[in-house]
Amino acid sequence: MNAETDVKAQVRAFYDSVGWRQVGEGLYQNARYEDLRPVSREYIHRCHVRVGKYLPLSGRFLLDAGSGPIQYPEYLGYSRGFARRVCLDLSRAALLEARERIGDHGLFVAGDIAALPFRDATFDGLVSLHTVHHLPAGEHRRAFLEFLRVLLPGGKAVVVTSWGERSALMRAMAGPIALAFWMQRLYRQARRRDEAQAIGARAPAAREPAATFTFKHDYRWVRRELRDLPGLEIRVWRSVSTAFLRAFVHRRFGGELFLRAIFALEERMPRLLGRIGQYPAILFCKPGGRGAAEGRAV
């Protein structure tokens, strides 16, 4: 087994056994990487909805490349105008969950996004959310070329990924985030001591499972390695990280208003915040066809 195959086997095993294990109704173990608190709910919802405005309104097939279990309700809207949503994922567990959600509206295929098992020019639209960074670094460009290959002329693609630690904005915020978490830990420790005195010893916390493999390129890599993708644009999907949200967004301190301001700023400066923020949406299309005229306005 070579290194690239080994990485994919690890990713598949993680999501089959851990990542897509439900820990509540519609809530997966993988959700620990997201901020699901009520104070962040509206902002997260609006970021999910944002993806849809870059996709075609309708068509025969939408490819969901690395679909997972279609875990958020907003994801369902992306394929509402399509005859079928084709869900492709390495994880059998993810595909079984996706089938529970969309039933006959879906077609479900186990496969690799860097070697798509589809003919050229098959899909009117393509969405891939938080998946490319699970590939070995050397396969990222190949995945984007595969996405382009399977699009019909006029078809549009939206690929949401992460700059990881290469996000200039979140790198600048690393110190304040660390300080905020330190202060939160001090507060929790003080509360635990008070609770321990009141109710006795506290049981040790369960150990969280280790994360799976990711590799995240930066903005310059995209501009250099993907410059030949037609219609290439980089827009913001979400400018702030989960760590930022957990550090600074709290209901008692006006967290919802703060996030509305961040979202408004993202809408005003989508290119800048796509470049320096945490999560870019990488957009491209295949020239020609009717899809170019039928997509949502950008």
Protein backbone atom coordinates (compact mmCIF):
# COMPACT_ATOMS: atom_id res chain seq x y z
CA MET A 1 0.00 0.00 0.00
CA ASN A 2 1.54 3.35 -1.05
CA ALA A 3 1.35 6.51 1.05
CA GLU A 4 -1.57 8.05 -0.88
CA THR A 5 -3.64 4.87 -0.67
CA ASP A 6 -2.85 4.60 3.03
CA VAL A 7 -4.10 8.16 3.66
CA LYS A 8 -7.40 7.42 1.91
CA ALA A 9 -7.83 4.17 3.83
CA GLN A 10 -7.32 6.08 7.08
CA VAL A 11 -9.87 8.74 6.10
CA ARG A 12 -12.42 6.08 5.09
CA ALA A 13 -11.91 4.15 8.33
CA PHE A 14 -12.26 7.30 10.44
CA TYR A 15 -15.55 8.35 8.86
CA ASP A 16 -16.99 4.83 8.76
CA SER A 17 -16.26 4.18 12.44
CA VAL A 18 -16.15 7.63 14.08
CA GLY A 19 -16.81 10.71 11.96
CA TRP A 20 -20.30 9.79 10.77
CA ARG A 21 -21.40 8.04 13.94
CA GLN A 22 -24.56 9.70 15.24
CA VAL A 23 -24.34 11.03 18.77
CA GLY A 24 -27.85 12.50 18.65
CA GLU A 25 -30.72 12.95 16.25
CA GLY A 26 -29.08 14.23 13.08
CA LEU A 27 -25.89 15.10 15.02
CA TYR A 28 -22.64 13.36 14.13
CA GLN A 29 -19.37 12.90 15.97
CA ASN A 30 -17.76 15.00 13.22
CA ALA A 31 -19.85 17.98 14.38
CA ARG A 32 -17.32 18.56 17.18
CA TYR A 33 -15.34 20.48 14.55
CA GLU A 34 -18.23 22.94 14.16
CA ASP A 35 -19.82 25.47 16.49
CA LEU A 36 -23.41 24.32 16.95
CA ARG A 37 -24.33 26.63 19.82
CA PRO A 38 -27.59 28.58 19.40
CA VAL A 39 -25.69 31.89 19.37
CA SER A 40 -23.87 30.86 16.17
CA ARG A 41 -26.79 29.09 14.49
CA GLU A 42 -28.04 31.96 12.31
CA TYR A 43 -24.55 32.77 11.02
CA ILE A 44 -23.69 29.14 10.24
CA HIS A 45 -27.07 28.76 8.49
CA ARG A 46 -26.46 31.81 6.30
CA CYS A 47 -23.01 30.56 5.32
CA HIS A 48 -24.48 27.19 4.29
CA VAL A 49 -27.19 28.94 2.26
CA ARG A 50 -24.54 31.13 0.60
CA VAL A 51 -23.25 28.14 -1.36
CA GLY A 52 -26.54 27.78 -3.23
CA LYS A 53 -26.34 31.17 -4.95
CA TYR A 54 -23.30 30.03 -6.91
CA LEU A 55 -24.93 26.82 -8.22
CA PRO A 56 -27.29 26.41 -11.19
CA LEU A 57 -30.96 26.69 -10.32
CA SER A 58 -31.86 23.40 -11.98
CA GLY A 59 -30.63 20.56 -14.13
CA ARG A 60 -30.60 16.82 -14.49
CA PHE A 61 -27.72 15.86 -12.17
CA LEU A 62 -25.95 17.63 -9.31
CA LEU A 63 -22.78 15.92 -8.12
CA ASP A 64 -22.14 16.15 -4.39
CA ALA A 65 -18.46 15.18 -4.31
CA GLY A 66 -17.65 13.98 -0.82
CA SER A 67 -21.27 14.26 0.26
CA GLY A 68 -20.96 12.82 3.73
CA PRO A 69 -24.43 12.12 5.17
CA ILE A 70 -25.79 15.51 3.93
CA GLN A 71 -25.68 16.45 7.58
CA TYR A 72 -27.13 19.98 7.56
CA PRO A 73 -30.68 20.80 6.42
CA GLU A 74 -29.42 23.66 4.22
CA TYR A 75 -27.46 21.16 2.11
CA LEU A 76 -30.75 19.69 0.88
CA GLY A 77 -31.62 22.92 -0.90
CA TYR A 78 -28.67 22.72 -3.30
CA SER A 79 -30.31 19.97 -5.36
CA ARG A 80 -33.94 21.05 -5.04
CA GLY A 81 -34.20 22.02 -8.72
CA PHE A 82 -32.33 18.96 -10.00
CA ALA A 83 -33.81 15.65 -11.08
CA ARG A 84 -31.18 13.71 -9.09
CA ARG A 85 -28.43 14.41 -6.59
CA VAL A 86 -25.47 12.06 -7.06
CA CYS A 87 -23.73 11.53 -3.72
CA LEU A 88 -20.16 10.28 -3.94
CA ASP A 89 -18.11 9.47 -0.85
CA LEU A 90 -15.37 7.11 0.31
CA SER A 91 -17.41 6.25 3.39
CA ARG A 92 -20.16 3.64 3.11
CA ALA A 93 -21.58 4.87 6.43
CA ALA A 94 -21.94 8.36 4.99
CA LEU A 95 -23.76 7.10 1.90
CA LEU A 96 -26.19 5.04 3.97
CA GLU A 97 -27.02 8.11 6.05
CA ALA A 98 -27.40 10.24 2.91
CA ARG A 99 -29.82 7.69 1.46
CA GLU A 100 -31.92 7.92 4.63
CA ARG A 101 -32.21 11.67 4.06
CA ILE A 102 -32.93 11.99 0.35
CA GLY A 103 -34.13 8.53 -0.72
CA ASP A 104 -35.14 8.30 -4.38
CA HIS A 105 -33.90 11.82 -5.10
CA GLY A 106 -30.35 10.49 -4.74
CA LEU A 107 -27.95 8.15 -6.44
CA PHE A 108 -25.18 6.88 -4.16
CA VAL A 109 -21.68 5.99 -5.33
CA ALA A 110 -18.64 4.88 -3.33
CA GLY A 111 -15.65 6.55 -4.92
CA ASP A 112 -12.65 8.83 -4.86
CA ILE A 113 -12.98 12.52 -5.78
CA ALA A 114 -9.52 12.43 -7.36
CA ALA A 115 -10.61 9.64 -9.75
CA LEU A 116 -14.32 10.17 -10.38
CA PRO A 117 -16.08 7.10 -11.82
CA PHE A 118 -18.21 9.15 -14.24
CA ARG A 119 -18.11 9.99 -17.92
CA ASP A 120 -17.01 13.38 -19.17
CA ALA A 121 -19.69 16.11 -19.27
CA THR A 122 -22.26 14.42 -17.01
CA PHE A 123 -23.27 17.00 -14.38
CA ASP A 124 -25.05 20.34 -14.62
CA GLY A 125 -23.60 21.40 -11.28
CA LEU A 126 -21.11 20.22 -8.67
CA VAL A 127 -20.66 20.97 -4.99
CA SER A 128 -17.86 19.72 -2.77
CA LEU A 129 -17.81 20.76 0.87
CA HIS A 130 -14.80 20.33 3.17
CA THR A 131 -13.56 17.29 1.28
CA VAL A 132 -10.56 18.14 -0.93
CA HIS A 133 -8.34 18.80 2.09
CA HIS A 134 -8.68 15.13 3.10
CA LEU A 135 -6.72 14.12 -0.02
CA PRO A 136 -2.94 13.76 -0.06
CA ALA A 137 -1.43 17.13 -1.07
CA GLY A 138 -0.32 15.84 -4.47
CA GLU A 139 -3.91 14.94 -5.47
CA HIS A 140 -5.64 18.27 -4.88
CA ARG A 141 -5.09 19.64 -8.38
CA ARG A 142 -6.16 16.30 -9.86
CA ALA A 143 -9.46 16.49 -7.96
CA PHE A 144 -10.23 19.94 -9.37
CA LEU A 145 -9.44 18.75 -12.89
CA GLU A 146 -11.76 15.78 -12.34
CA PHE A 147 -14.51 18.15 -11.23
CA LEU A 148 -14.06 20.17 -14.42
CA ARG A 149 -14.00 17.02 -16.58
CA VAL A 150 -17.38 15.76 -15.41
CA LEU A 151 -19.18 19.13 -15.72
CA LEU A 152 -21.41 19.72 -18.72
CA PRO A 153 -20.71 22.84 -20.81
CA GLY A 154 -22.25 25.70 -18.85
CA GLY A 155 -22.03 23.72 -15.61
CA LYS A 156 -20.86 25.39 -12.41
CA ALA A 157 -18.82 24.08 -9.48
CA VAL A 158 -18.49 25.30 -5.89
CA VAL A 159 -15.70 23.81 -3.78
CA VAL A 160 -15.58 24.89 -0.13
CA THR A 161 -12.28 24.21 1.57
CA SER A 162 -10.05 25.71 4.26
CA TRP A 163 -6.76 27.58 4.32
CA GLY A 164 -6.18 26.09 7.78
CA GLU A 165 -3.28 27.77 9.58
CA ARG A 166 -2.47 29.60 6.34
CA SER A 167 -5.44 31.94 6.76
CA ALA A 168 -3.90 35.41 7.19
CA LEU A 169 -6.90 36.67 9.17
CA MET A 170 -7.00 33.78 11.60
CA ARG A 171 -3.21 33.76 11.93
CA ALA A 172 -3.45 37.40 13.08
CA MET A 173 -6.12 36.36 15.59
CA ALA A 174 -4.17 33.38 16.99
CA GLY A 175 -2.88 35.26 20.05
CA PRO A 176 -6.23 36.78 21.06
CA ILE A 177 -7.95 33.39 20.54
CA ALA A 178 -5.39 31.66 22.78
CA LEU A 179 -5.84 34.35 25.45
CA ALA A 180 -9.65 34.02 25.31
CA PHE A 181 -9.46 30.24 25.72
CA TRP A 182 -7.03 30.63 28.64
CA MET A 183 -9.46 32.95 30.39
CA GLN A 184 -12.34 30.55 29.71
CA ARG A 185 -10.32 27.66 31.20
CA LEU A 186 -9.62 29.66 34.33
CA TYR A 187 -13.32 30.42 34.68
CA ARG A 188 -14.33 26.78 34.17
CA GLN A 189 -11.70 25.54 36.62
CA ALA A 190 -12.99 27.92 39.26
CA ARG A 191 -16.56 26.72 38.69
CA ARG A 192 -15.48 23.06 38.81
CA ARG A 193 -13.79 23.59 42.16
CA ASP A 194 -16.99 25.09 43.52
CA GLU A 195 -19.06 22.20 42.08
CA ALA A 196 -16.62 19.57 43.35
CA GLN A 197 -16.91 20.93 46.86
CA ALA A 198 -20.70 20.79 46.57
CA ILE A 199 -21.21 17.38 44.91
CA GLY A 200 -17.93 15.46 45.29
CA ALA A 201 -15.31 14.26 42.82
CA ARG A 202 -15.92 14.72 39.12
CA ALA A 203 -15.69 11.72 36.73
CA PRO A 204 -12.86 11.99 34.18
CA ALA A 205 -13.93 13.20 30.74
CA ALA A 206 -14.13 10.65 27.95
CA ARG A 207 -11.23 10.83 25.52
CA GLU A 208 -12.20 12.22 22.13
CA PRO A 209 -11.20 10.20 19.08
CA ALA A 210 -8.25 11.49 17.10
CA ALA A 211 -8.92 13.55 13.99
CA THR A 212 -8.28 12.22 10.52
CA PHE A 213 -5.80 13.38 7.87
CA THR A 214 -6.06 16.84 6.32
CA PHE A 215 -3.73 18.97 4.21
CA LYS A 216 -4.63 22.59 3.43
CA HIS A 217 -3.05 24.65 0.68
CA ASP A 218 -2.97 28.44 0.66
CA TYR A 219 -4.37 31.14 -1.63
CA ARG A 220 -1.16 31.37 -3.67
CA TRP A 221 -1.28 27.64 -4.41
CA VAL A 222 -4.81 27.97 -5.80
CA ARG A 223 -3.87 30.94 -7.97
CA ARG A 224 -0.78 29.14 -9.24
CA GLU A 225 -1.96 25.54 -9.64
CA LEU A 226 -5.60 26.16 -10.61
CA ARG A 227 -5.15 29.26 -12.78
CA ASP A 228 -6.19 27.31 -15.89
CA LEU A 229 -9.65 26.50 -14.47
CA PRO A 230 -12.19 28.48 -16.53
CA GLY A 231 -14.03 31.19 -14.63
CA LEU A 232 -11.90 30.67 -11.52
CA GLU A 233 -12.94 32.92 -8.62
CA ILE A 234 -12.31 32.77 -4.90
CA ARG A 235 -15.10 34.05 -2.66
CA VAL A 236 -15.63 33.81 1.07
CA TRP A 237 -17.69 30.95 2.44
CA ARG A 238 -16.91 31.84 6.03
CA SER A 239 -14.19 34.18 7.20
CA VAL A 240 -13.79 33.00 10.81
CA SER A 241 -12.78 29.68 12.28
CA THR A 242 -14.64 27.52 14.77
CA ALA A 243 -11.99 28.44 17.35
CA PHE A 244 -12.73 32.15 16.77
CA LEU A 245 -16.45 31.56 17.26
CA ARG A 246 -15.97 29.63 20.49
CA ALA A 247 -13.49 32.19 21.79
CA PHE A 248 -15.35 35.44 21.07
CA VAL A 249 -19.01 34.78 20.27
CA HIS A 250 -21.22 34.53 23.33
CA ARG A 251 -24.86 35.43 23.73
CA ARG A 252 -24.39 37.48 26.87
CA PHE A 253 -21.92 39.71 25.00
CA GLY A 254 -24.07 40.33 21.92
CA GLY A 255 -22.71 37.40 19.93
CA GLU A 256 -25.57 37.25 17.43
CA LEU A 257 -25.22 40.94 16.51
CA PHE A 258 -21.46 40.50 16.20
CA LEU A 259 -21.95 37.63 13.74
CA ARG A 260 -24.49 39.60 11.71
CA ALA A 261 -21.85 42.31 11.34
CA ILE A 262 -19.27 39.74 10.24
CA PHE A 263 -21.68 38.29 7.68
CA ALA A 264 -22.48 41.77 6.31
CA LEU A 265 -18.76 42.43 5.95
CA GLU A 266 -18.32 39.14 4.09
CA GLU A 267 -21.10 40.15 1.70
CA ARG A 268 -19.40 43.50 1.04
CA MET A 269 -15.89 42.07 0.62
CA PRO A 270 -16.29 38.46 -0.59
CA ARG A 271 -13.05 38.35 -2.57
CA LEU A 272 -10.80 39.86 0.10
CA LEU A 273 -12.24 37.71 2.88
CA GLY A 274 -12.15 34.67 0.62
CA ARG A 275 -8.44 35.26 0.22
CA ILE A 276 -7.51 36.00 3.86
CA GLY A 277 -10.34 34.38 5.84
CA GLN A 278 -10.61 30.80 7.03
CA TYR A 279 -12.89 29.09 4.50
CA PRO A 280 -12.89 30.01 0.80
CA ALA A 281 -15.43 28.99 -1.81
CA ILE A 282 -13.54 28.18 -5.01
CA LEU A 283 -15.78 28.74 -8.03
CA PHE A 284 -15.30 27.72 -11.64
CA CYS A 285 -17.39 26.67 -14.63
CA LYS A 286 -17.15 24.89 -17.95
CA PRO A 287 -17.57 27.29 -20.89
CA GLY A 288 -20.60 27.06 -23.18
CA GLY A 289 -24.05 25.57 -22.82
CA ARG A 290 -27.24 26.89 -21.27
CA GLY A 291 -26.08 26.63 -17.63
CA ALA A 292 -24.11 29.88 -17.80
CA ALA A 293 -27.35 31.79 -18.34
CA GLU A 294 -29.44 29.80 -15.89
CA GLY A 295 -27.32 29.99 -12.77
CA ARG A 296 -28.06 32.18 -9.80
CA ALA A 297 -26.70 35.68 -9.96
CA VAL A 298 -23.23 36.04 -8.46
